[in-house]
Amino acid sequence: MSWLHFTSPNHWEELLRASEQAPQLIFKHSTRCSISSMVLNRFETSELFRAAGLSCWFLDLITFREMSNLIATETQVWHESPQCIVIYKSKVIYAESHGSIDAKAIQQLILDK
């Protein structure tokens, strides 16, 4: 699996369209935070990330903070980092941050869809 990079408001529309067919995962990462780096590494080595078929969107919060604000406004999920949000059929079905991000829980949730 490789990341789709969330860098423009057009990506939000693309993600929402894609969410009508399959869950879309957004990972908000702060490149200045060691906790964020640790959680990102743990996520990237998870079975969920290595599985085929899941769209994983990467958002660099330092470079694209306005995109994080857009997501927070559109989803009503308060910004945190690191943060993982899963959207399906244009609705948030999972939102956790820091050590609460659980790839196994996300995988189970997605298998149920």
PDB file of N, CA and C in Angstrom:
ATOM      1  N   MET A   1       0.850  -1.174   0.000  1.00  0.00           N
ATOM      2  CA  MET A   1       0.000   0.000   0.000  1.00  0.00           C
ATOM      3  C   MET A   1       0.895   1.236   0.000  1.00  0.00           C
ATOM      4  N   SER A   2       0.468   2.228  -0.683  1.00  0.00           N
ATOM      5  CA  SER A   2       1.172   3.505  -0.621  1.00  0.00           C
ATOM      6  C   SER A   2       0.165   4.596  -0.300  1.00  0.00           C
ATOM      7  N   TRP A   3       0.669   5.699   0.175  1.00  0.00           N
ATOM      8  CA  TRP A   3      -0.177   6.817   0.563  1.00  0.00           C
ATOM      9  C   TRP A   3      -0.684   7.600  -0.639  1.00  0.00           C
ATOM     10  N   LEU A   4      -1.905   8.082  -0.527  1.00  0.00           N
ATOM     11  CA  LEU A   4      -2.431   9.123  -1.403  1.00  0.00           C
ATOM     12  C   LEU A   4      -2.198  10.419  -0.620  1.00  0.00           C
ATOM     13  N   HIS A   5      -1.617  11.416  -1.245  1.00  0.00           N
ATOM     14  CA  HIS A   5      -1.276  12.639  -0.508  1.00  0.00           C
ATOM     15  C   HIS A   5      -2.387  13.665  -0.613  1.00  0.00           C
ATOM     16  N   PHE A   6      -2.862  14.090   0.543  1.00  0.00           N
ATOM     17  CA  PHE A   6      -3.935  15.066   0.652  1.00  0.00           C
ATOM     18  C   PHE A   6      -3.296  16.450   0.665  1.00  0.00           C
ATOM     19  N   THR A   7      -3.403  17.163  -0.461  1.00  0.00           N
ATOM     20  CA  THR A   7      -2.699  18.445  -0.579  1.00  0.00           C
ATOM     21  C   THR A   7      -3.563  19.597  -1.074  1.00  0.00           C
ATOM     22  N   SER A   8      -4.817  19.307  -1.456  1.00  0.00           N
ATOM     23  CA  SER A   8      -5.656  20.397  -1.975  1.00  0.00           C
ATOM     24  C   SER A   8      -7.122  20.132  -1.652  1.00  0.00           C
ATOM     25  N   PRO A   9      -7.935  21.185  -1.676  1.00  0.00           N
ATOM     26  CA  PRO A   9      -9.373  20.994  -1.436  1.00  0.00           C
ATOM     27  C   PRO A   9     -10.011  20.023  -2.430  1.00  0.00           C
ATOM     28  N   ASN A  10      -9.462  19.909  -3.630  1.00  0.00           N
ATOM     29  CA  ASN A  10      -9.980  18.950  -4.610  1.00  0.00           C
ATOM     30  C   ASN A  10      -9.879  17.518  -4.102  1.00  0.00           C
ATOM     31  N   HIS A  11      -8.879  17.250  -3.278  1.00  0.00           N
ATOM     32  CA  HIS A  11      -8.733  15.908  -2.728  1.00  0.00           C
ATOM     33  C   HIS A  11      -9.879  15.573  -1.785  1.00  0.00           C
ATOM     34  N   TRP A  12     -10.416  16.570  -1.091  1.00  0.00           N
ATOM     35  CA  TRP A  12     -11.559  16.334  -0.214  1.00  0.00           C
ATOM     36  C   TRP A  12     -12.745  15.829  -1.037  1.00  0.00           C
ATOM     37  N   GLU A  13     -13.014  16.492  -2.149  1.00  0.00           N
ATOM     38  CA  GLU A  13     -14.123  16.075  -3.018  1.00  0.00           C
ATOM     39  C   GLU A  13     -13.869  14.677  -3.595  1.00  0.00           C
ATOM     40  N   GLU A  14     -12.632  14.418  -3.978  1.00  0.00           N
ATOM     41  CA  GLU A  14     -12.262  13.097  -4.507  1.00  0.00           C
ATOM     42  C   GLU A  14     -12.476  12.017  -3.443  1.00  0.00           C
ATOM     43  N   LEU A  15     -12.045  12.305  -2.219  1.00  0.00           N
ATOM     44  CA  LEU A  15     -12.190  11.367  -1.113  1.00  0.00           C
ATOM     45  C   LEU A  15     -13.675  11.094  -0.839  1.00  0.00           C
ATOM     46  N   LEU A  16     -14.490  12.131  -0.811  1.00  0.00           N
ATOM     47  CA  LEU A  16     -15.919  11.939  -0.557  1.00  0.00           C
ATOM     48  C   LEU A  16     -16.573  11.091  -1.642  1.00  0.00           C
ATOM     49  N   ARG A  17     -16.231  11.351  -2.895  1.00  0.00           N
ATOM     50  CA  ARG A  17     -16.781  10.537  -3.992  1.00  0.00           C
ATOM     51  C   ARG A  17     -16.369   9.068  -3.827  1.00  0.00           C
ATOM     52  N   ALA A  18     -15.112   8.852  -3.526  1.00  0.00           N
ATOM     53  CA  ALA A  18     -14.609   7.485  -3.357  1.00  0.00           C
ATOM     54  C   ALA A  18     -15.240   6.801  -2.147  1.00  0.00           C
ATOM     55  N   SER A  19     -15.591   7.584  -1.127  1.00  0.00           N
ATOM     56  CA  SER A  19     -16.177   7.001   0.094  1.00  0.00           C
ATOM     57  C   SER A  19     -17.561   6.410  -0.144  1.00  0.00           C
ATOM     58  N   GLU A  20     -18.180   6.763  -1.252  1.00  0.00           N
ATOM     59  CA  GLU A  20     -19.480   6.182  -1.575  1.00  0.00           C
ATOM     60  C   GLU A  20     -19.341   4.704  -1.954  1.00  0.00           C
ATOM     61  N   GLN A  21     -18.147   4.326  -2.408  1.00  0.00           N
ATOM     62  CA  GLN A  21     -17.890   2.941  -2.810  1.00  0.00           C
ATOM     63  C   GLN A  21     -17.121   2.137  -1.760  1.00  0.00           C
ATOM     64  N   ALA A  22     -16.217   2.814  -1.057  1.00  0.00           N
ATOM     65  CA  ALA A  22     -15.353   2.111  -0.098  1.00  0.00           C
ATOM     66  C   ALA A  22     -14.873   3.082   0.978  1.00  0.00           C
ATOM     67  N   PRO A  23     -14.591   2.580   2.191  1.00  0.00           N
ATOM     68  CA  PRO A  23     -14.062   3.451   3.242  1.00  0.00           C
ATOM     69  C   PRO A  23     -12.758   4.123   2.811  1.00  0.00           C
ATOM     70  N   GLN A  24     -12.596   5.361   3.257  1.00  0.00           N
ATOM     71  CA  GLN A  24     -11.405   6.155   2.977  1.00  0.00           C
ATOM     72  C   GLN A  24     -10.778   6.550   4.311  1.00  0.00           C
ATOM     73  N   LEU A  25      -9.482   6.318   4.460  1.00  0.00           N
ATOM     74  CA  LEU A  25      -8.781   6.613   5.699  1.00  0.00           C
ATOM     75  C   LEU A  25      -7.912   7.850   5.519  1.00  0.00           C
ATOM     76  N   ILE A  26      -7.966   8.755   6.477  1.00  0.00           N
ATOM     77  CA  ILE A  26      -7.103   9.942   6.488  1.00  0.00           C
ATOM     78  C   ILE A  26      -6.205   9.830   7.712  1.00  0.00           C
ATOM     79  N   PHE A  27      -4.898   9.982   7.497  1.00  0.00           N
ATOM     80  CA  PHE A  27      -3.948  10.008   8.610  1.00  0.00           C
ATOM     81  C   PHE A  27      -3.330  11.401   8.657  1.00  0.00           C
ATOM     82  N   LYS A  28      -3.622  12.132   9.727  1.00  0.00           N
ATOM     83  CA  LYS A  28      -3.047  13.465   9.925  1.00  0.00           C
ATOM     84  C   LYS A  28      -1.753  13.313  10.721  1.00  0.00           C
ATOM     85  N   HIS A  29      -0.664  13.783  10.141  1.00  0.00           N
ATOM     86  CA  HIS A  29       0.664  13.584  10.738  1.00  0.00           C
ATOM     87  C   HIS A  29       1.407  14.907  10.879  1.00  0.00           C
ATOM     88  N   SER A  30       1.953  15.128  12.063  1.00  0.00           N
ATOM     89  CA  SER A  30       2.821  16.279  12.296  1.00  0.00           C
ATOM     90  C   SER A  30       4.273  15.822  12.191  1.00  0.00           C
ATOM     91  N   THR A  31       4.982  16.368  11.216  1.00  0.00           N
ATOM     92  CA  THR A  31       6.381  15.982  11.014  1.00  0.00           C
ATOM     93  C   THR A  31       7.291  16.509  12.119  1.00  0.00           C
ATOM     94  N   ARG A  32       6.767  17.343  12.999  1.00  0.00           N
ATOM     95  CA  ARG A  32       7.552  17.896  14.106  1.00  0.00           C
ATOM     96  C   ARG A  32       7.321  17.192  15.429  1.00  0.00           C
ATOM     97  N   CYS A  33       6.506  16.154  15.416  1.00  0.00           N
ATOM     98  CA  CYS A  33       6.099  15.512  16.670  1.00  0.00           C
ATOM     99  C   CYS A  33       6.585  14.065  16.714  1.00  0.00           C
ATOM    100  N   SER A  34       7.330  13.731  17.746  1.00  0.00           N
ATOM    101  CA  SER A  34       7.850  12.366  17.865  1.00  0.00           C
ATOM    102  C   SER A  34       6.733  11.361  18.128  1.00  0.00           C
ATOM    103  N   ILE A  35       5.700  11.762  18.841  1.00  0.00           N
ATOM    104  CA  ILE A  35       4.576  10.854  19.081  1.00  0.00           C
ATOM    105  C   ILE A  35       3.882  10.548  17.764  1.00  0.00           C
ATOM    106  N   SER A  36       3.695  11.570  16.951  1.00  0.00           N
ATOM    107  CA  SER A  36       3.065  11.374  15.647  1.00  0.00           C
ATOM    108  C   SER A  36       3.904  10.425  14.792  1.00  0.00           C
ATOM    109  N   SER A  37       5.208  10.587  14.828  1.00  0.00           N
ATOM    110  CA  SER A  37       6.097   9.703  14.059  1.00  0.00           C
ATOM    111  C   SER A  37       6.011   8.265  14.543  1.00  0.00           C
ATOM    112  N   MET A  38       5.930   8.082  15.849  1.00  0.00           N
ATOM    113  CA  MET A  38       5.833   6.738  16.420  1.00  0.00           C
ATOM    114  C   MET A  38       4.513   6.069  15.992  1.00  0.00           C
ATOM    115  N   VAL A  39       3.410   6.805  16.089  1.00  0.00           N
ATOM    116  CA  VAL A  39       2.108   6.252  15.713  1.00  0.00           C
ATOM    117  C   VAL A  39       2.062   5.973  14.213  1.00  0.00           C
ATOM    118  N   LEU A  40       2.629   6.868  13.412  1.00  0.00           N
ATOM    119  CA  LEU A  40       2.687   6.653  11.958  1.00  0.00           C
ATOM    120  C   LEU A  40       3.457   5.381  11.636  1.00  0.00           C
ATOM    121  N   ASN A  41       4.602   5.204  12.261  1.00  0.00           N
ATOM    122  CA  ASN A  41       5.406   4.003  12.023  1.00  0.00           C
ATOM    123  C   ASN A  41       4.639   2.748  12.402  1.00  0.00           C
ATOM    124  N   ARG A  42       3.967   2.793  13.536  1.00  0.00           N
ATOM    125  CA  ARG A  42       3.176   1.642  13.985  1.00  0.00           C
ATOM    126  C   ARG A  42       2.057   1.349  12.982  1.00  0.00           C
ATOM    127  N   PHE A  43       1.437   2.389  12.461  1.00  0.00           N
ATOM    128  CA  PHE A  43       0.359   2.208  11.491  1.00  0.00           C
ATOM    129  C   PHE A  43       0.894   1.641  10.175  1.00  0.00           C
ATOM    130  N   GLU A  44       2.016   2.186   9.698  1.00  0.00           N
ATOM    131  CA  GLU A  44       2.567   1.734   8.414  1.00  0.00           C
ATOM    132  C   GLU A  44       3.053   0.294   8.453  1.00  0.00           C
ATOM    133  N   THR A  45       3.332  -0.235   9.619  1.00  0.00           N
ATOM    134  CA  THR A  45       3.766  -1.628   9.722  1.00  0.00           C
ATOM    135  C   THR A  45       2.610  -2.564  10.074  1.00  0.00           C
ATOM    136  N   SER A  46       1.409  -2.018  10.164  1.00  0.00           N
ATOM    137  CA  SER A  46       0.247  -2.838  10.504  1.00  0.00           C
ATOM    138  C   SER A  46      -0.228  -3.654   9.305  1.00  0.00           C
ATOM    139  N   GLU A  47      -0.934  -4.714   9.600  1.00  0.00           N
ATOM    140  CA  GLU A  47      -1.533  -5.544   8.550  1.00  0.00           C
ATOM    141  C   GLU A  47      -2.531  -4.729   7.741  1.00  0.00           C
ATOM    142  N   LEU A  48      -3.251  -3.834   8.400  1.00  0.00           N
ATOM    143  CA  LEU A  48      -4.238  -3.000   7.714  1.00  0.00           C
ATOM    144  C   LEU A  48      -3.600  -2.180   6.603  1.00  0.00           C
ATOM    145  N   PHE A  49      -2.480  -1.520   6.890  1.00  0.00           N
ATOM    146  CA  PHE A  49      -1.829  -0.664   5.887  1.00  0.00           C
ATOM    147  C   PHE A  49      -1.276  -1.494   4.739  1.00  0.00           C
ATOM    148  N   ARG A  50      -0.811  -2.686   5.032  1.00  0.00           N
ATOM    149  CA  ARG A  50      -0.244  -3.537   3.982  1.00  0.00           C
ATOM    150  C   ARG A  50      -1.309  -4.215   3.135  1.00  0.00           C
ATOM    151  N   ALA A  51      -2.558  -4.207   3.613  1.00  0.00           N
ATOM    152  CA  ALA A  51      -3.645  -4.858   2.879  1.00  0.00           C
ATOM    153  C   ALA A  51      -3.967  -4.075   1.603  1.00  0.00           C
ATOM    154  N   ALA A  52      -4.308  -4.796   0.575  1.00  0.00           N
ATOM    155  CA  ALA A  52      -4.679  -4.162  -0.690  1.00  0.00           C
ATOM    156  C   ALA A  52      -6.115  -3.654  -0.591  1.00  0.00           C
ATOM    157  N   GLY A  53      -6.382  -2.603  -1.306  1.00  0.00           N
ATOM    158  CA  GLY A  53      -7.754  -2.156  -1.444  1.00  0.00           C
ATOM    159  C   GLY A  53      -8.187  -1.006  -0.557  1.00  0.00           C
ATOM    160  N   LEU A  54      -7.460  -0.691   0.483  1.00  0.00           N
ATOM    161  CA  LEU A  54      -7.842   0.413   1.345  1.00  0.00           C
ATOM    162  C   LEU A  54      -7.151   1.691   0.867  1.00  0.00           C
ATOM    163  N   SER A  55      -7.939   2.726   0.650  1.00  0.00           N
ATOM    164  CA  SER A  55      -7.364   4.023   0.281  1.00  0.00           C
ATOM    165  C   SER A  55      -6.943   4.747   1.549  1.00  0.00           C
ATOM    166  N   CYS A  56      -5.647   5.038   1.658  1.00  0.00           N
ATOM    167  CA  CYS A  56      -5.089   5.729   2.820  1.00  0.00           C
ATOM    168  C   CYS A  56      -4.545   7.081   2.377  1.00  0.00           C
ATOM    169  N   TRP A  57      -5.120   8.137   2.906  1.00  0.00           N
ATOM    170  CA  TRP A  57      -4.732   9.505   2.579  1.00  0.00           C
ATOM    171  C   TRP A  57      -3.824  10.045   3.669  1.00  0.00           C
ATOM    172  N   PHE A  58      -2.682  10.594   3.270  1.00  0.00           N
ATOM    173  CA  PHE A  58      -1.695  11.135   4.196  1.00  0.00           C
ATOM    174  C   PHE A  58      -1.774  12.657   4.156  1.00  0.00           C
ATOM    175  N   LEU A  59      -1.891  13.268   5.329  1.00  0.00           N
ATOM    176  CA  LEU A  59      -1.938  14.725   5.412  1.00  0.00           C
ATOM    177  C   LEU A  59      -0.794  15.220   6.280  1.00  0.00           C
ATOM    178  N   ASP A  60       0.153  15.922   5.664  1.00  0.00           N
ATOM    179  CA  ASP A  60       1.269  16.556   6.365  1.00  0.00           C
ATOM    180  C   ASP A  60       0.732  17.850   6.977  1.00  0.00           C
ATOM    181  N   LEU A  61       0.564  17.843   8.289  1.00  0.00           N
ATOM    182  CA  LEU A  61      -0.065  18.985   8.959  1.00  0.00           C
ATOM    183  C   LEU A  61       0.775  20.253   8.942  1.00  0.00           C
ATOM    184  N   ILE A  62       2.056  20.121   8.871  1.00  0.00           N
ATOM    185  CA  ILE A  62       2.915  21.304   8.878  1.00  0.00           C
ATOM    186  C   ILE A  62       2.794  22.044   7.540  1.00  0.00           C
ATOM    187  N   THR A  63       2.830  21.304   6.473  1.00  0.00           N
ATOM    188  CA  THR A  63       2.769  21.908   5.137  1.00  0.00           C
ATOM    189  C   THR A  63       1.349  22.276   4.729  1.00  0.00           C
ATOM    190  N   PHE A  64       0.374  21.462   5.132  1.00  0.00           N
ATOM    191  CA  PHE A  64      -1.005  21.644   4.648  1.00  0.00           C
ATOM    192  C   PHE A  64      -2.002  21.800   5.800  1.00  0.00           C
ATOM    193  N   ARG A  65      -1.702  22.679   6.728  1.00  0.00           N
ATOM    194  CA  ARG A  65      -2.580  22.885   7.898  1.00  0.00           C
ATOM    195  C   ARG A  65      -3.993  23.302   7.468  1.00  0.00           C
ATOM    196  N   GLU A  66      -4.090  24.107   6.401  1.00  0.00           N
ATOM    197  CA  GLU A  66      -5.422  24.542   5.954  1.00  0.00           C
ATOM    198  C   GLU A  66      -6.282  23.361   5.505  1.00  0.00           C
ATOM    199  N   MET A  67      -5.658  22.303   5.017  1.00  0.00           N
ATOM    200  CA  MET A  67      -6.412  21.112   4.634  1.00  0.00           C
ATOM    201  C   MET A  67      -6.941  20.395   5.885  1.00  0.00           C
ATOM    202  N   SER A  68      -6.153  20.389   6.947  1.00  0.00           N
ATOM    203  CA  SER A  68      -6.605  19.814   8.205  1.00  0.00           C
ATOM    204  C   SER A  68      -7.797  20.595   8.744  1.00  0.00           C
ATOM    205  N   ASN A  69      -7.729  21.904   8.638  1.00  0.00           N
ATOM    206  CA  ASN A  69      -8.847  22.737   9.090  1.00  0.00           C
ATOM    207  C   ASN A  69     -10.102  22.455   8.264  1.00  0.00           C
ATOM    208  N   LEU A  70      -9.934  22.258   6.971  1.00  0.00           N
ATOM    209  CA  LEU A  70     -11.060  21.927   6.096  1.00  0.00           C
ATOM    210  C   LEU A  70     -11.702  20.616   6.547  1.00  0.00           C
ATOM    211  N   ILE A  71     -10.885  19.602   6.783  1.00  0.00           N
ATOM    212  CA  ILE A  71     -11.404  18.296   7.225  1.00  0.00           C
ATOM    213  C   ILE A  71     -12.133  18.447   8.559  1.00  0.00           C
ATOM    214  N   ALA A  72     -11.544  19.186   9.487  1.00  0.00           N
ATOM    215  CA  ALA A  72     -12.179  19.381  10.800  1.00  0.00           C
ATOM    216  C   ALA A  72     -13.534  20.069  10.650  1.00  0.00           C
ATOM    217  N   THR A  73     -13.598  21.072   9.814  1.00  0.00           N
ATOM    218  CA  THR A  73     -14.860  21.781   9.589  1.00  0.00           C
ATOM    219  C   THR A  73     -15.898  20.885   8.941  1.00  0.00           C
ATOM    220  N   GLU A  74     -15.493  20.160   7.918  1.00  0.00           N
ATOM    221  CA  GLU A  74     -16.425  19.316   7.167  1.00  0.00           C
ATOM    222  C   GLU A  74     -16.914  18.107   7.964  1.00  0.00           C
ATOM    223  N   THR A  75     -16.055  17.556   8.820  1.00  0.00           N
ATOM    224  CA  THR A  75     -16.418  16.342   9.556  1.00  0.00           C
ATOM    225  C   THR A  75     -16.904  16.621  10.974  1.00  0.00           C
ATOM    226  N   GLN A  76     -16.633  17.835  11.466  1.00  0.00           N
ATOM    227  CA  GLN A  76     -16.929  18.177  12.861  1.00  0.00           C
ATOM    228  C   GLN A  76     -16.119  17.323  13.836  1.00  0.00           C
ATOM    229  N   VAL A  77     -14.960  16.857  13.377  1.00  0.00           N
ATOM    230  CA  VAL A  77     -14.024  16.123  14.229  1.00  0.00           C
ATOM    231  C   VAL A  77     -12.896  17.085  14.558  1.00  0.00           C
ATOM    232  N   TRP A  78     -12.786  17.440  15.825  1.00  0.00           N
ATOM    233  CA  TRP A  78     -11.791  18.398  16.289  1.00  0.00           C
ATOM    234  C   TRP A  78     -10.385  17.939  15.900  1.00  0.00           C
ATOM    235  N   HIS A  79      -9.578  18.863  15.381  1.00  0.00           N
ATOM    236  CA  HIS A  79      -8.221  18.548  14.932  1.00  0.00           C
ATOM    237  C   HIS A  79      -7.331  18.106  16.087  1.00  0.00           C
ATOM    238  N   GLU A  80      -6.617  17.015  15.863  1.00  0.00           N
ATOM    239  CA  GLU A  80      -5.550  16.556  16.747  1.00  0.00           C
ATOM    240  C   GLU A  80      -4.493  15.928  15.859  1.00  0.00           C
ATOM    241  N   SER A  81      -3.319  15.700  16.426  1.00  0.00           N
ATOM    242  CA  SER A  81      -2.309  14.973  15.655  1.00  0.00           C
ATOM    243  C   SER A  81      -1.442  14.164  16.624  1.00  0.00           C
ATOM    244  N   PRO A  82      -1.137  12.960  16.229  1.00  0.00           N
ATOM    245  CA  PRO A  82      -1.624  12.313  15.017  1.00  0.00           C
ATOM    246  C   PRO A  82      -3.108  11.987  15.161  1.00  0.00           C
ATOM    247  N   GLN A  83      -3.737  11.853  14.026  1.00  0.00           N
ATOM    248  CA  GLN A  83      -5.170  11.562  14.025  1.00  0.00           C
ATOM    249  C   GLN A  83      -5.505  10.676  12.841  1.00  0.00           C
ATOM    250  N   CYS A  84      -6.429   9.773  13.055  1.00  0.00           N
ATOM    251  CA  CYS A  84      -6.894   8.896  11.990  1.00  0.00           C
ATOM    252  C   CYS A  84      -8.414   9.012  11.913  1.00  0.00           C
ATOM    253  N   ILE A  85      -8.905   9.287  10.715  1.00  0.00           N
ATOM    254  CA  ILE A  85     -10.338   9.406  10.476  1.00  0.00           C
ATOM    255  C   ILE A  85     -10.674   8.487   9.309  1.00  0.00           C
ATOM    256  N   VAL A  86     -11.750   7.717   9.460  1.00  0.00           N
ATOM    257  CA  VAL A  86     -12.226   6.877   8.361  1.00  0.00           C
ATOM    258  C   VAL A  86     -13.603   7.392   7.965  1.00  0.00           C
ATOM    259  N   ILE A  87     -13.773   7.607   6.673  1.00  0.00           N
ATOM    260  CA  ILE A  87     -15.028   8.125   6.127  1.00  0.00           C
ATOM    261  C   ILE A  87     -15.598   7.091   5.167  1.00  0.00           C
ATOM    262  N   TYR A  88     -16.890   6.817   5.347  1.00  0.00           N
ATOM    263  CA  TYR A  88     -17.590   5.882   4.474  1.00  0.00           C
ATOM    264  C   TYR A  88     -18.966   6.464   4.171  1.00  0.00           C
ATOM    265  N   LYS A  89     -19.293   6.521   2.885  1.00  0.00           N
ATOM    266  CA  LYS A  89     -20.554   7.105   2.430  1.00  0.00           C
ATOM    267  C   LYS A  89     -20.709   8.532   2.966  1.00  0.00           C
ATOM    268  N   SER A  90     -19.579   9.269   2.916  1.00  0.00           N
ATOM    269  CA  SER A  90     -19.495  10.681   3.314  1.00  0.00           C
ATOM    270  C   SER A  90     -19.731  10.923   4.807  1.00  0.00           C
ATOM    271  N   LYS A  91     -19.639   9.885   5.623  1.00  0.00           N
ATOM    272  CA  LYS A  91     -19.814  10.025   7.067  1.00  0.00           C
ATOM    273  C   LYS A  91     -18.596   9.463   7.802  1.00  0.00           C
ATOM    274  N   VAL A  92     -18.269  10.094   8.913  1.00  0.00           N
ATOM    275  CA  VAL A  92     -17.174   9.612   9.749  1.00  0.00           C
ATOM    276  C   VAL A  92     -17.640   8.351  10.467  1.00  0.00           C
ATOM    277  N   ILE A  93     -16.881   7.267  10.275  1.00  0.00           N
ATOM    278  CA  ILE A  93     -17.206   6.022  10.972  1.00  0.00           C
ATOM    279  C   ILE A  93     -16.138   5.657  12.008  1.00  0.00           C
ATOM    280  N   TYR A  94     -15.024   6.405  11.996  1.00  0.00           N
ATOM    281  CA  TYR A  94     -13.947   6.166  12.960  1.00  0.00           C
ATOM    282  C   TYR A  94     -13.144   7.444  13.082  1.00  0.00           C
ATOM    283  N   ALA A  95     -12.825   7.831  14.307  1.00  0.00           N
ATOM    284  CA  ALA A  95     -11.959   8.991  14.542  1.00  0.00           C
ATOM    285  C   ALA A  95     -11.257   8.808  15.876  1.00  0.00           C
ATOM    286  N   GLU A  96      -9.948   8.675  15.811  1.00  0.00           N
ATOM    287  CA  GLU A  96      -9.136   8.542  17.021  1.00  0.00           C
ATOM    288  C   GLU A  96      -7.832   9.306  16.834  1.00  0.00           C
ATOM    289  N   SER A  97      -7.169   9.554  17.933  1.00  0.00           N
ATOM    290  CA  SER A  97      -5.888  10.245  17.858  1.00  0.00           C
ATOM    291  C   SER A  97      -4.886   9.597  18.812  1.00  0.00           C
ATOM    292  N   HIS A  98      -3.642   9.966  18.619  1.00  0.00           N
ATOM    293  CA  HIS A  98      -2.529   9.524  19.448  1.00  0.00           C
ATOM    294  C   HIS A  98      -2.507   8.001  19.588  1.00  0.00           C
ATOM    295  N   GLY A  99      -2.296   7.510  20.795  1.00  0.00           N
ATOM    296  CA  GLY A  99      -2.174   6.079  21.034  1.00  0.00           C
ATOM    297  C   GLY A  99      -3.479   5.314  20.894  1.00  0.00           C
ATOM    298  N   SER A 100      -4.589   6.035  20.740  1.00  0.00           N
ATOM    299  CA  SER A 100      -5.893   5.368  20.569  1.00  0.00           C
ATOM    300  C   SER A 100      -6.132   4.898  19.144  1.00  0.00           C
ATOM    301  N   ILE A 101      -5.251   5.280  18.214  1.00  0.00           N
ATOM    302  CA  ILE A 101      -5.390   4.815  16.831  1.00  0.00           C
ATOM    303  C   ILE A 101      -5.088   3.318  16.813  1.00  0.00           C
ATOM    304  N   ASP A 102      -6.073   2.547  16.392  1.00  0.00           N
ATOM    305  CA  ASP A 102      -5.980   1.094  16.476  1.00  0.00           C
ATOM    306  C   ASP A 102      -6.249   0.480  15.103  1.00  0.00           C
ATOM    307  N   ALA A 103      -5.190   0.059  14.427  1.00  0.00           N
ATOM    308  CA  ALA A 103      -5.325  -0.500  13.077  1.00  0.00           C
ATOM    309  C   ALA A 103      -6.200  -1.742  13.060  1.00  0.00           C
ATOM    310  N   LYS A 104      -6.128  -2.557  14.105  1.00  0.00           N
ATOM    311  CA  LYS A 104      -6.965  -3.771  14.146  1.00  0.00           C
ATOM    312  C   LYS A 104      -8.441  -3.402  14.250  1.00  0.00           C
ATOM    313  N   ALA A 105      -8.755  -2.399  15.050  1.00  0.00           N
ATOM    314  CA  ALA A 105     -10.157  -1.952  15.169  1.00  0.00           C
ATOM    315  C   ALA A 105     -10.649  -1.380  13.841  1.00  0.00           C
ATOM    316  N   ILE A 106      -9.806  -0.631  13.157  1.00  0.00           N
ATOM    317  CA  ILE A 106     -10.177  -0.083  11.852  1.00  0.00           C
ATOM    318  C   ILE A 106     -10.406  -1.218  10.861  1.00  0.00           C
ATOM    319  N   GLN A 107      -9.511  -2.185  10.868  1.00  0.00           N
ATOM    320  CA  GLN A 107      -9.634  -3.319   9.947  1.00  0.00           C
ATOM    321  C   GLN A 107     -10.952  -4.057  10.180  1.00  0.00           C
ATOM    322  N   GLN A 108     -11.306  -4.295  11.427  1.00  0.00           N
ATOM    323  CA  GLN A 108     -12.561  -4.981  11.732  1.00  0.00           C
ATOM    324  C   GLN A 108     -13.752  -4.142  11.276  1.00  0.00           C
ATOM    325  N   LEU A 109     -13.696  -2.852  11.515  1.00  0.00           N
ATOM    326  CA  LEU A 109     -14.764  -1.947  11.103  1.00  0.00           C
ATOM    327  C   LEU A 109     -14.954  -1.970   9.585  1.00  0.00           C
ATOM    328  N   ILE A 110     -13.856  -1.964   8.865  1.00  0.00           N
ATOM    329  CA  ILE A 110     -13.910  -1.969   7.403  1.00  0.00           C
ATOM    330  C   ILE A 110     -14.401  -3.306   6.871  1.00  0.00           C
ATOM    331  N   LEU A 111     -14.016  -4.386   7.508  1.00  0.00           N
ATOM    332  CA  LEU A 111     -14.492  -5.707   7.062  1.00  0.00           C
ATOM    333  C   LEU A 111     -15.999  -5.827   7.192  1.00  0.00           C
ATOM    334  N   ASP A 112     -16.575  -5.080   8.130  1.00  0.00           N
ATOM    335  CA  ASP A 112     -18.021  -5.098   8.326  1.00  0.00           C
ATOM    336  C   ASP A 112     -18.766  -4.296   7.264  1.00  0.00           C
ATOM    337  N   LYS A 113     -18.073  -3.546   6.421  1.00  0.00           N
ATOM    338  CA  LYS A 113     -18.731  -2.683   5.421  1.00  0.00           C
ATOM    339  C   LYS A 113     -18.955  -3.393   4.120  1.00  0.00           C
TER     340      LYS A 113
END
